[in-house]
């Protein structure tokens, strides 16, 4: 195989048909242009409780012409585990990830494959992820749209610079399988949203391992994916929980950039920075911050970031104290 499309899904029986139909369009796009490329589709079922297996079986029987379509069940809950299973199972050197609400354009597969082939230093490439809103988003939604994996950085390819602290989301991400197996730990610290816990950024943790090893991360505007965003994902309740979880995960993606001896001082600096952002937010909105869905979501991001950082500081100080105590006990013997 030249390319693998991996769709990680949880209870996606209602969403998967649109994604698989779009991949049919990718097949016809390449067939009509006589593009000889061997590719497969993996559906990684992350412990679903709905009709996901039956939906995939239906497409295996008649849905994707001349394309291998495989169903794999990953029972350990968490998107990080599903993606790791996809990497381990894929039959090709390049793997493209789609969520079960990601709708690729007909040229997405070939655009992804060509870019990775022509850019040998690229360990990962992000798509141009555009919204497909079910309803009109809240006022000022552009301020937080990137946290829903929406990414539009223009019409030209862009190299993500390590100093910029910006990376592509996992939706529409394409990676080199051999580098993932070599550089990304099979068990990430951030595992994805599980149950009522909205801890995110497992995709950023994986990508950071590439970047820290000196490999390039790119944005490719020819890889266009539409992200379907239903009404419930634009509510204050969902956005608040989402942003708080993203805030909690920031301690991990921040600290990966620093050696162990710098982590505690940097955590203390981030504590001051997060507290400052929270106070500035309160100063800006005053007592009216609850009147805006976006303002509430931003506050939860800053609050989650502060809480996650404080927890990391407490854990690091506790570990340092235990180590000092053990050392002193050893010296006294």
Protein backbone atom coordinates (compact mmCIF):
# COMPACT_ATOMS: atom_id res chain seq x y z
CA UNK A 1 0.00 0.00 0.00
CA UNK A 2 1.06 3.59 -0.67
CA UNK A 3 -1.33 5.30 1.73
CA UNK A 4 -3.66 4.46 4.62
CA UNK A 5 -6.70 6.46 5.68
CA UNK A 6 -7.41 5.78 9.37
CA UNK A 7 -10.82 6.80 10.73
CA UNK A 8 -10.92 6.69 14.52
CA UNK A 9 -14.49 6.56 15.78
CA UNK A 10 -16.54 6.17 18.93
CA UNK A 11 -20.28 5.55 18.52
CA UNK A 12 -19.97 6.89 14.97
CA UNK A 13 -22.63 4.81 13.21
CA UNK A 14 -24.58 7.93 12.23
CA UNK A 15 -21.50 9.88 11.14
CA UNK A 16 -19.35 7.26 9.39
CA UNK A 17 -21.44 6.92 6.18
CA UNK A 18 -20.73 10.52 5.14
CA UNK A 19 -16.99 10.04 5.66
CA UNK A 20 -16.91 6.75 3.76
CA UNK A 21 -18.98 8.27 0.93
CA UNK A 22 -16.45 11.09 0.67
CA UNK A 23 -13.67 8.52 0.41
CA UNK A 24 -15.60 6.91 -2.44
CA UNK A 25 -15.35 10.29 -4.16
CA UNK A 26 -11.58 10.23 -3.58
CA UNK A 27 -11.45 6.87 -5.34
CA UNK A 28 -13.45 8.12 -8.35
CA UNK A 29 -11.34 11.31 -8.49
CA UNK A 30 -8.15 9.29 -8.91
CA UNK A 31 -9.74 6.72 -11.20
CA UNK A 32 -10.97 9.41 -13.60
CA UNK A 33 -7.46 10.90 -13.72
CA UNK A 34 -5.77 7.51 -14.14
CA UNK A 35 -3.77 7.93 -10.94
CA UNK A 36 -2.30 4.56 -10.08
CA UNK A 37 -2.09 4.56 -6.32
CA UNK A 38 -2.71 1.76 -3.84
CA UNK A 39 -4.49 2.85 -0.68
CA UNK A 40 -6.64 1.39 2.06
CA UNK A 41 -9.14 2.53 4.67
CA UNK A 42 -9.03 1.48 8.33
CA UNK A 43 -11.92 2.09 10.69
CA UNK A 44 -10.64 1.97 14.26
CA UNK A 45 -13.66 1.39 16.47
CA UNK A 46 -12.71 2.78 19.88
CA UNK A 47 -15.08 0.61 21.93
CA UNK A 48 -18.37 1.79 20.39
CA UNK A 49 -21.74 0.66 21.73
CA UNK A 50 -23.84 1.45 18.65
CA UNK A 51 -24.15 -0.05 15.14
CA UNK A 52 -20.65 0.96 13.99
CA UNK A 53 -19.56 -2.63 13.14
CA UNK A 54 -22.69 -3.18 11.04
CA UNK A 55 -22.20 0.10 9.17
CA UNK A 56 -18.63 -0.83 8.27
CA UNK A 57 -19.70 -4.34 7.26
CA UNK A 58 -22.22 -2.82 4.86
CA UNK A 59 -19.53 -0.74 3.18
CA UNK A 60 -17.16 -3.69 3.08
CA UNK A 61 -19.81 -5.52 1.08
CA UNK A 62 -20.62 -2.77 -1.42
CA UNK A 63 -19.39 0.65 -0.35
CA UNK A 64 -15.77 1.28 -1.38
CA UNK A 65 -14.99 -0.07 -4.87
CA UNK A 66 -11.64 -1.78 -5.20
CA UNK A 67 -10.36 -0.30 -1.90
CA UNK A 68 -9.46 -2.51 1.04
CA UNK A 69 -11.66 -1.48 3.97
CA UNK A 70 -10.69 -2.99 7.30
CA UNK A 71 -12.44 -2.86 10.65
CA UNK A 72 -10.33 -2.94 13.82
CA UNK A 73 -11.71 -2.73 17.34
CA UNK A 74 -9.61 -0.99 20.01
CA UNK A 75 -11.16 -1.59 23.41
CA UNK A 76 -8.89 0.72 25.43
CA UNK A 77 -10.79 3.99 25.54
CA UNK A 78 -9.04 7.12 24.31
CA UNK A 79 -8.23 8.63 20.93
CA UNK A 80 -4.49 8.25 21.57
CA UNK A 81 -4.94 4.47 21.83
CA UNK A 82 -7.05 4.37 18.66
CA UNK A 83 -4.44 6.28 16.67
CA UNK A 84 -1.64 4.09 17.99
CA UNK A 85 -3.59 1.01 16.92
CA UNK A 86 -4.07 2.54 13.46
CA UNK A 87 -0.32 3.12 13.12
CA UNK A 88 0.49 -0.41 14.22
CA UNK A 89 -2.09 -1.91 11.84
CA UNK A 90 -1.53 0.22 8.73
CA UNK A 91 -0.05 -1.46 5.64
CA UNK A 92 1.55 1.67 4.19
CA UNK A 93 4.40 4.08 5.07
CA UNK A 94 2.06 7.11 5.15
CA UNK A 95 -1.06 7.34 7.34
CA UNK A 96 -3.75 10.01 7.14
CA UNK A 97 -6.08 10.47 10.11
CA UNK A 98 -9.72 11.46 9.76
CA UNK A 99 -12.20 11.80 12.61
CA UNK A 100 -15.69 10.45 12.01
CA UNK A 101 -16.97 14.00 11.45
CA UNK A 102 -14.24 14.97 8.95
CA UNK A 103 -15.34 15.20 5.31
CA UNK A 104 -12.39 15.20 2.88
CA UNK A 105 -12.49 16.80 -0.55
CA UNK A 106 -12.11 14.40 -3.54
CA UNK A 107 -8.40 15.22 -3.98
CA UNK A 108 -7.50 14.86 -0.29
CA UNK A 109 -5.86 11.43 -0.49
CA UNK A 110 -3.72 12.16 -3.53
CA UNK A 111 -2.81 15.67 -2.28
CA UNK A 112 -1.67 14.22 1.04
CA UNK A 113 0.34 11.44 -0.57
CA UNK A 114 2.03 13.73 -3.11
CA UNK A 115 2.99 16.32 -0.49
CA UNK A 116 4.56 13.76 1.82
CA UNK A 117 6.39 12.15 -1.12
CA UNK A 118 7.73 15.50 -2.33
CA UNK A 119 8.69 16.75 1.16
CA UNK A 120 11.01 14.08 2.60
CA UNK A 121 11.78 16.03 5.81
CA UNK A 122 8.08 16.28 6.69
CA UNK A 123 7.16 13.95 9.54
CA UNK A 124 3.59 15.25 9.60
CA UNK A 125 1.35 17.50 7.52
CA UNK A 126 -1.84 19.19 8.62
CA UNK A 127 -4.89 19.80 6.45
CA UNK A 128 -6.84 22.94 5.75
CA UNK A 129 -9.81 22.24 8.04
CA UNK A 130 -12.89 24.32 7.21
CA UNK A 131 -16.18 24.42 9.14
CA UNK A 132 -19.49 22.89 8.21
CA UNK A 133 -21.74 24.44 10.86
CA UNK A 134 -25.14 23.00 11.61
CA UNK A 135 -26.23 26.36 13.04
CA UNK A 136 -24.73 29.84 13.14
CA UNK A 137 -21.87 29.92 15.69
CA UNK A 138 -21.90 32.31 18.66
CA UNK A 139 -20.77 35.93 18.37
CA UNK A 140 -16.97 36.30 18.27
CA UNK A 141 -16.55 32.56 17.70
CA UNK A 142 -13.46 33.23 15.55
CA UNK A 143 -11.56 33.85 18.80
CA UNK A 144 -11.83 30.18 19.77
CA UNK A 145 -12.55 28.40 16.47
CA UNK A 146 -9.06 26.91 16.36
CA UNK A 147 -9.81 24.86 19.47
CA UNK A 148 -12.38 22.91 17.43
CA UNK A 149 -9.62 21.86 14.98
CA UNK A 150 -10.60 24.52 12.42
CA UNK A 151 -7.41 25.53 10.61
CA UNK A 152 -7.11 27.89 7.66
CA UNK A 153 -3.62 29.35 7.26
CA UNK A 154 -3.98 30.54 3.71
CA UNK A 155 -3.39 29.20 0.21
CA UNK A 156 0.33 28.40 0.46
CA UNK A 157 2.16 25.58 2.26
CA UNK A 158 3.50 26.66 5.63
CA UNK A 159 6.29 25.20 7.74
CA UNK A 160 5.40 25.24 11.44
CA UNK A 161 8.34 26.79 13.29
CA UNK A 162 9.13 25.34 16.74
CA UNK A 163 9.43 28.82 18.26
CA UNK A 164 5.91 29.75 17.13
CA UNK A 165 4.27 27.21 19.48
CA UNK A 166 1.59 26.46 16.86
CA UNK A 167 0.91 22.99 15.49
CA UNK A 168 -1.80 21.36 13.35
CA UNK A 169 -4.71 19.47 14.94
CA UNK A 170 -5.20 15.73 14.60
CA UNK A 171 -8.18 16.15 12.26
CA UNK A 172 -6.82 15.60 8.74
CA UNK A 173 -3.28 14.99 10.00
CA UNK A 174 -0.95 12.89 7.82
CA UNK A 175 2.15 11.23 9.31
CA UNK A 176 5.03 8.92 8.44
CA UNK A 177 4.40 5.56 10.04
CA UNK A 178 8.06 4.63 10.61
CA UNK A 179 8.80 7.90 12.41
CA UNK A 180 5.72 7.54 14.59
CA UNK A 181 6.78 4.04 15.63
CA UNK A 182 10.30 5.28 16.31
CA UNK A 183 9.64 8.59 18.05
CA UNK A 184 6.15 8.55 19.59
CA UNK A 185 5.74 6.51 22.81
CA UNK A 186 3.03 3.85 22.48
CA UNK A 187 1.45 5.22 25.68
CA UNK A 188 1.09 8.99 25.65
CA UNK A 189 0.41 10.92 28.84
CA UNK A 190 -2.56 12.64 27.20
CA UNK A 191 -4.96 9.96 25.96
CA UNK A 192 -7.91 12.01 24.67
CA UNK A 193 -11.44 12.64 25.87
CA UNK A 194 -12.73 9.69 27.87
CA UNK A 195 -16.15 9.62 29.52
CA UNK A 196 -16.84 12.95 31.17
CA UNK A 197 -13.19 14.02 31.08
CA UNK A 198 -12.45 16.40 28.21
CA UNK A 199 -8.66 16.22 28.44
CA UNK A 200 -7.43 16.94 24.91
CA UNK A 201 -4.17 17.69 23.03
CA UNK A 202 -3.09 14.07 22.59
CA UNK A 203 -2.46 14.96 18.93
CA UNK A 204 -0.13 17.83 19.88
CA UNK A 205 1.81 15.61 22.28
CA UNK A 206 2.48 13.13 19.47
CA UNK A 207 3.48 15.83 16.96
CA UNK A 208 5.85 17.46 19.45
CA UNK A 209 7.89 14.26 19.54
CA UNK A 210 8.50 14.68 15.78
CA UNK A 211 9.43 18.32 16.09
CA UNK A 212 11.78 17.77 19.03
CA UNK A 213 13.63 15.13 17.02
CA UNK A 214 14.32 17.71 14.30
CA UNK A 215 11.67 16.70 11.77
CA UNK A 216 9.44 19.18 9.94
CA UNK A 217 5.72 19.77 10.49
CA UNK A 218 3.80 21.37 7.59
CA UNK A 219 0.45 22.85 6.65
CA UNK A 220 -0.76 21.87 3.18
CA UNK A 221 -3.72 23.95 1.87
CA UNK A 222 -4.43 21.44 -0.93
CA UNK A 223 -5.53 18.92 1.68
CA UNK A 224 -9.01 20.28 2.39
CA UNK A 225 -11.25 18.70 5.02
CA UNK A 226 -14.65 19.97 6.19
CA UNK A 227 -15.32 19.52 9.89
CA UNK A 228 -19.00 18.97 10.60
CA UNK A 229 -19.91 20.83 13.80
CA UNK A 230 -23.38 20.03 15.15
CA UNK A 231 -25.47 22.46 17.17
CA UNK A 232 -24.64 20.88 20.55
CA UNK A 233 -20.93 21.53 20.04
CA UNK A 234 -21.60 25.26 19.91
CA UNK A 235 -23.41 25.42 23.24
CA UNK A 236 -21.98 27.10 26.32
CA UNK A 237 -21.93 23.83 28.25
CA UNK A 238 -19.92 21.91 25.66
CA UNK A 239 -17.51 24.73 24.85
CA UNK A 240 -16.86 25.36 28.55
CA UNK A 241 -16.00 21.72 29.19
CA UNK A 242 -13.91 21.52 26.02
CA UNK A 243 -11.87 24.61 26.81
CA UNK A 244 -11.32 23.66 30.45
CA UNK A 245 -10.00 20.26 29.34
CA UNK A 246 -7.68 21.86 26.80
CA UNK A 247 -6.42 24.18 29.52
CA UNK A 248 -5.71 21.23 31.83
CA UNK A 249 -3.65 19.51 29.12
CA UNK A 250 -1.41 22.51 28.48
CA UNK A 251 1.03 21.67 31.26
CA UNK A 252 2.12 18.58 29.32
CA UNK A 253 2.61 20.20 25.91
CA UNK A 254 4.38 23.15 27.53
CA UNK A 255 6.82 21.09 29.59
CA UNK A 256 7.84 18.80 26.72
CA UNK A 257 9.96 21.66 25.36
CA UNK A 258 12.16 21.96 28.47
CA UNK A 259 14.78 19.70 30.09
CA UNK A 260 13.93 18.40 33.56
CA UNK A 261 16.01 20.98 35.45
CA UNK A 262 14.09 23.86 33.80
CA UNK A 263 10.60 22.51 34.25
CA UNK A 264 9.84 23.69 37.79
CA UNK A 265 10.95 27.31 37.18
CA UNK A 266 9.03 27.37 33.90
CA UNK A 267 5.92 25.98 35.61
CA UNK A 268 6.14 28.80 38.15
CA UNK A 269 6.41 31.35 35.32
CA UNK A 270 3.42 29.78 33.55
CA UNK A 271 1.46 29.97 36.82
CA UNK A 272 2.03 33.73 36.94
CA UNK A 273 1.17 34.05 33.23
CA UNK A 274 -2.06 32.02 33.53
CA UNK A 275 -3.18 33.95 36.59
CA UNK A 276 -2.46 37.22 34.78
CA UNK A 277 -4.58 36.14 31.80
CA UNK A 278 -7.44 35.19 34.08
CA UNK A 279 -7.32 38.57 35.84
CA UNK A 280 -7.12 40.47 32.53
CA UNK A 281 -10.13 38.55 31.26
CA UNK A 282 -12.11 39.52 34.39
CA UNK A 283 -10.98 43.13 34.04
CA UNK A 284 -12.01 43.25 30.38
CA UNK A 285 -15.47 41.77 30.81
CA UNK A 286 -16.21 42.81 34.39
CA UNK A 287 -19.46 41.31 35.63
CA UNK A 288 -20.75 40.80 32.06
CA UNK A 289 -18.51 37.86 31.14
CA UNK A 290 -21.38 35.39 31.52
CA UNK A 291 -23.35 37.19 28.80
CA UNK A 292 -21.06 35.84 26.06
CA UNK A 293 -20.62 32.14 25.22
CA UNK A 294 -17.13 32.84 23.88
CA UNK A 295 -16.13 34.84 26.97
CA UNK A 296 -17.25 31.96 29.23
CA UNK A 297 -15.26 29.50 27.11
CA UNK A 298 -12.14 31.68 27.22
CA UNK A 299 -12.38 31.98 30.99
CA UNK A 300 -12.61 28.19 31.31
CA UNK A 301 -9.50 27.83 29.13
CA UNK A 302 -7.49 30.16 31.37
CA UNK A 303 -8.89 28.56 34.53
CA UNK A 304 -8.11 25.05 33.32
CA UNK A 305 -4.61 26.10 32.29
CA UNK A 306 -3.97 27.61 35.74
CA UNK A 307 -5.34 24.55 37.56
CA UNK A 308 -3.32 22.15 35.40
CA UNK A 309 -0.13 24.14 35.98
CA UNK A 310 -0.69 24.36 39.75
CA UNK A 311 -1.30 20.61 39.90
CA UNK A 312 1.95 19.99 37.99
CA UNK A 313 3.86 22.33 40.34
CA UNK A 314 2.47 20.52 43.39
CA UNK A 315 3.38 17.13 41.92
CA UNK A 316 6.91 18.23 41.03
CA UNK A 317 7.55 19.81 44.44
CA UNK A 318 6.23 16.70 46.19
CA UNK A 319 8.48 14.44 44.12
CA UNK A 320 11.49 16.66 44.83
CA UNK A 321 10.74 16.59 48.56
CA UNK A 322 10.41 12.81 48.57
CA UNK A 323 13.72 12.50 46.73
CA UNK A 324 15.48 14.82 49.19
CA UNK A 325 14.01 12.91 52.14
CA UNK A 326 15.16 9.57 50.69
CA UNK A 327 18.65 11.00 50.09
CA UNK A 328 18.93 12.35 53.65
CA UNK A 329 17.79 9.01 55.10
CA UNK A 330 20.41 7.23 53.03
CA UNK A 331 23.15 9.60 54.25
CA UNK A 332 22.21 9.06 57.89
CA UNK A 333 22.59 5.30 57.64
